[in-house]
Amino acid sequence: MAAFNPYQSPRTAVADAGEEYQPVKIFSVSGRVGRVRYIGYTTGLSLLIYAVLAALAGAMGATRAGAVTAGLMMTVAGALTLVISAILTIQRCHDFNASGWLAILFSSLS
């Protein structure tokens, strides 16, 4: 009987690991996103949308008609930010093997 050697090299074929991460799909509820990328994308996209919006609202706010348009643009940008955050939260739920519907519970608690 041959003795088992725990220090011998493995005899199985070891394949290379695939991609370590998936690309983030901002407008798709399928896929996964890790916690650091989730925080980065939600914070970064929100700041980017609001910075562009603030510059446009500041330029348009000089007149009364521009103020109404700026208010409408702020409403649209707020809705866009909310939708993107919800989509990324659904992907984050997929990352820890939970249903995307759990994101609704998260949003209702906050």
C-alpha atoms as a PDB file:
ATOM      1  CA  MET A   1       0.000   0.000   0.000  1.00  0.00           C
ATOM      2  CA  ALA A   2       1.384   3.411  -1.000  1.00  0.00           C
ATOM      3  CA  ALA A   3       1.720   5.971   1.722  1.00  0.00           C
ATOM      4  CA  PHE A   4      -0.230   9.220   1.370  1.00  0.00           C
ATOM      5  CA  ASN A   5       2.048  12.231   1.102  1.00  0.00           C
ATOM      6  CA  PRO A   6       0.275  15.471   2.095  1.00  0.00           C
ATOM      7  CA  TYR A   7       3.177  17.532   0.714  1.00  0.00           C
ATOM      8  CA  GLN A   8       3.119  16.322  -2.884  1.00  0.00           C
ATOM      9  CA  SER A   9       2.013  18.675  -5.629  1.00  0.00           C
ATOM     10  CA  PRO A  10      -1.615  18.535  -6.767  1.00  0.00           C
ATOM     11  CA  ARG A  11      -2.396  16.353  -9.753  1.00  0.00           C
ATOM     12  CA  THR A  12      -5.589  18.000 -10.915  1.00  0.00           C
ATOM     13  CA  ALA A  13      -5.707  20.501 -13.746  1.00  0.00           C
ATOM     14  CA  VAL A  14      -6.129  23.984 -12.358  1.00  0.00           C
ATOM     15  CA  ALA A  15      -7.771  26.473 -14.706  1.00  0.00           C
ATOM     16  CA  ASP A  16      -7.151  30.182 -14.676  1.00  0.00           C
ATOM     17  CA  ALA A  17      -9.716  32.204 -12.801  1.00  0.00           C
ATOM     18  CA  GLY A  18     -12.114  34.212 -14.929  1.00  0.00           C
ATOM     19  CA  GLU A  19     -12.823  37.877 -14.489  1.00  0.00           C
ATOM     20  CA  GLU A  20     -12.673  39.011 -10.910  1.00  0.00           C
ATOM     21  CA  TYR A  21     -15.560  41.411 -11.363  1.00  0.00           C
ATOM     22  CA  GLN A  22     -18.350  42.162 -13.788  1.00  0.00           C
ATOM     23  CA  PRO A  23     -18.799  45.506 -15.475  1.00  0.00           C
ATOM     24  CA  VAL A  24     -21.377  47.692 -13.743  1.00  0.00           C
ATOM     25  CA  LYS A  25     -24.564  48.019 -15.805  1.00  0.00           C
ATOM     26  CA  ILE A  26     -26.094  51.298 -14.692  1.00  0.00           C
ATOM     27  CA  PHE A  27     -29.386  50.876 -16.582  1.00  0.00           C
ATOM     28  CA  SER A  28     -29.910  47.129 -16.065  1.00  0.00           C
ATOM     29  CA  VAL A  29     -31.240  45.330 -12.994  1.00  0.00           C
ATOM     30  CA  SER A  30     -29.361  42.125 -13.840  1.00  0.00           C
ATOM     31  CA  GLY A  31     -25.847  41.547 -12.638  1.00  0.00           C
ATOM     32  CA  ARG A  32     -23.947  42.151  -9.446  1.00  0.00           C
ATOM     33  CA  VAL A  33     -21.983  44.990  -7.929  1.00  0.00           C
ATOM     34  CA  GLY A  34     -19.644  44.835  -4.936  1.00  0.00           C
ATOM     35  CA  ARG A  35     -19.979  47.090  -1.923  1.00  0.00           C
ATOM     36  CA  VAL A  36     -17.080  49.431  -2.706  1.00  0.00           C
ATOM     37  CA  ARG A  37     -18.138  49.866  -6.319  1.00  0.00           C
ATOM     38  CA  TYR A  38     -21.757  50.326  -5.170  1.00  0.00           C
ATOM     39  CA  ILE A  39     -20.772  53.155  -2.846  1.00  0.00           C
ATOM     40  CA  GLY A  40     -18.498  54.686  -5.470  1.00  0.00           C
ATOM     41  CA  TYR A  41     -21.039  54.571  -8.274  1.00  0.00           C
ATOM     42  CA  THR A  42     -23.992  55.824  -6.237  1.00  0.00           C
ATOM     43  CA  THR A  43     -21.995  58.643  -4.690  1.00  0.00           C
ATOM     44  CA  GLY A  44     -20.110  59.543  -7.854  1.00  0.00           C
ATOM     45  CA  LEU A  45     -23.122  59.527 -10.163  1.00  0.00           C
ATOM     46  CA  SER A  46     -25.221  61.512  -7.700  1.00  0.00           C
ATOM     47  CA  LEU A  47     -22.505  64.140  -7.312  1.00  0.00           C
ATOM     48  CA  LEU A  48     -21.962  64.315 -11.062  1.00  0.00           C
ATOM     49  CA  ILE A  49     -25.668  64.716 -11.838  1.00  0.00           C
ATOM     50  CA  TYR A  50     -26.146  67.358  -9.158  1.00  0.00           C
ATOM     51  CA  ALA A  51     -22.975  69.290 -10.122  1.00  0.00           C
ATOM     52  CA  VAL A  52     -24.077  69.526 -13.752  1.00  0.00           C
ATOM     53  CA  LEU A  53     -27.576  70.428 -12.640  1.00  0.00           C
ATOM     54  CA  ALA A  54     -26.319  73.139 -10.271  1.00  0.00           C
ATOM     55  CA  ALA A  55     -24.278  74.733 -13.052  1.00  0.00           C
ATOM     56  CA  LEU A  56     -27.258  74.708 -15.419  1.00  0.00           C
ATOM     57  CA  ALA A  57     -29.681  75.943 -12.753  1.00  0.00           C
ATOM     58  CA  GLY A  58     -27.313  78.750 -11.812  1.00  0.00           C
ATOM     59  CA  ALA A  59     -27.077  79.855 -15.431  1.00  0.00           C
ATOM     60  CA  MET A  60     -30.857  79.667 -15.933  1.00  0.00           C
ATOM     61  CA  GLY A  61     -31.933  81.070 -12.575  1.00  0.00           C
ATOM     62  CA  ALA A  62     -31.301  84.693 -13.553  1.00  0.00           C
ATOM     63  CA  THR A  63     -34.738  85.044 -15.144  1.00  0.00           C
ATOM     64  CA  ARG A  64     -38.167  84.012 -13.880  1.00  0.00           C
ATOM     65  CA  ALA A  65     -38.789  81.661 -16.821  1.00  0.00           C
ATOM     66  CA  GLY A  66     -35.333  80.181 -16.285  1.00  0.00           C
ATOM     67  CA  ALA A  67     -36.121  79.550 -12.617  1.00  0.00           C
ATOM     68  CA  VAL A  68     -39.188  77.511 -13.551  1.00  0.00           C
ATOM     69  CA  THR A  69     -37.153  75.519 -16.063  1.00  0.00           C
ATOM     70  CA  ALA A  70     -34.390  75.014 -13.506  1.00  0.00           C
ATOM     71  CA  GLY A  71     -36.928  73.730 -10.979  1.00  0.00           C
ATOM     72  CA  LEU A  72     -38.279  71.260 -13.524  1.00  0.00           C
ATOM     73  CA  MET A  73     -34.732  70.110 -14.354  1.00  0.00           C
ATOM     74  CA  MET A  74     -34.000  69.587 -10.652  1.00  0.00           C
ATOM     75  CA  THR A  75     -37.100  67.412 -10.342  1.00  0.00           C
ATOM     76  CA  VAL A  76     -36.069  65.313 -13.348  1.00  0.00           C
ATOM     77  CA  ALA A  77     -32.486  64.987 -12.077  1.00  0.00           C
ATOM     78  CA  GLY A  78     -33.723  63.934  -8.636  1.00  0.00           C
ATOM     79  CA  ALA A  79     -35.915  61.251 -10.201  1.00  0.00           C
ATOM     80  CA  LEU A  80     -33.017  60.069 -12.384  1.00  0.00           C
ATOM     81  CA  THR A  81     -30.732  59.825  -9.353  1.00  0.00           C
ATOM     82  CA  LEU A  82     -33.399  57.886  -7.455  1.00  0.00           C
ATOM     83  CA  VAL A  83     -33.858  55.411 -10.328  1.00  0.00           C
ATOM     84  CA  ILE A  84     -30.115  54.845 -10.763  1.00  0.00           C
ATOM     85  CA  SER A  85     -29.676  54.339  -7.015  1.00  0.00           C
ATOM     86  CA  ALA A  86     -32.542  51.819  -6.980  1.00  0.00           C
ATOM     87  CA  ILE A  87     -31.031  49.876  -9.897  1.00  0.00           C
ATOM     88  CA  LEU A  88     -27.619  49.758  -8.227  1.00  0.00           C
ATOM     89  CA  THR A  89     -29.244  48.673  -4.943  1.00  0.00           C
ATOM     90  CA  ILE A  90     -30.961  45.802  -6.768  1.00  0.00           C
ATOM     91  CA  GLN A  91     -27.587  44.733  -8.208  1.00  0.00           C
ATOM     92  CA  ARG A  92     -26.060  44.982  -4.739  1.00  0.00           C
ATOM     93  CA  CYS A  93     -28.794  42.675  -3.401  1.00  0.00           C
ATOM     94  CA  HIS A  94     -27.917  40.190  -6.147  1.00  0.00           C
ATOM     95  CA  ASP A  95     -24.289  40.285  -4.980  1.00  0.00           C
ATOM     96  CA  PHE A  96     -25.155  38.766  -1.605  1.00  0.00           C
ATOM     97  CA  ASN A  97     -27.639  36.293  -3.153  1.00  0.00           C
ATOM     98  CA  ALA A  98     -30.804  38.116  -2.152  1.00  0.00           C
ATOM     99  CA  SER A  99     -33.756  39.002  -4.308  1.00  0.00           C
ATOM    100  CA  GLY A 100     -33.808  42.434  -5.910  1.00  0.00           C
ATOM    101  CA  TRP A 101     -37.173  42.981  -4.256  1.00  0.00           C
ATOM    102  CA  LEU A 102     -35.283  43.368  -1.003  1.00  0.00           C
ATOM    103  CA  ALA A 103     -34.188  46.781  -2.322  1.00  0.00           C
ATOM    104  CA  ILE A 104     -37.778  47.980  -1.933  1.00  0.00           C
ATOM    105  CA  LEU A 105     -37.635  47.057   1.736  1.00  0.00           C
ATOM    106  CA  PHE A 106     -34.342  48.928   2.105  1.00  0.00           C
ATOM    107  CA  SER A 107     -35.752  52.038   0.459  1.00  0.00           C
ATOM    108  CA  SER A 108     -38.928  51.978   2.556  1.00  0.00           C
ATOM    109  CA  LEU A 109     -36.922  51.802   5.791  1.00  0.00           C
ATOM    110  CA  SER A 110     -34.866  54.885   5.063  1.00  0.00           C
END
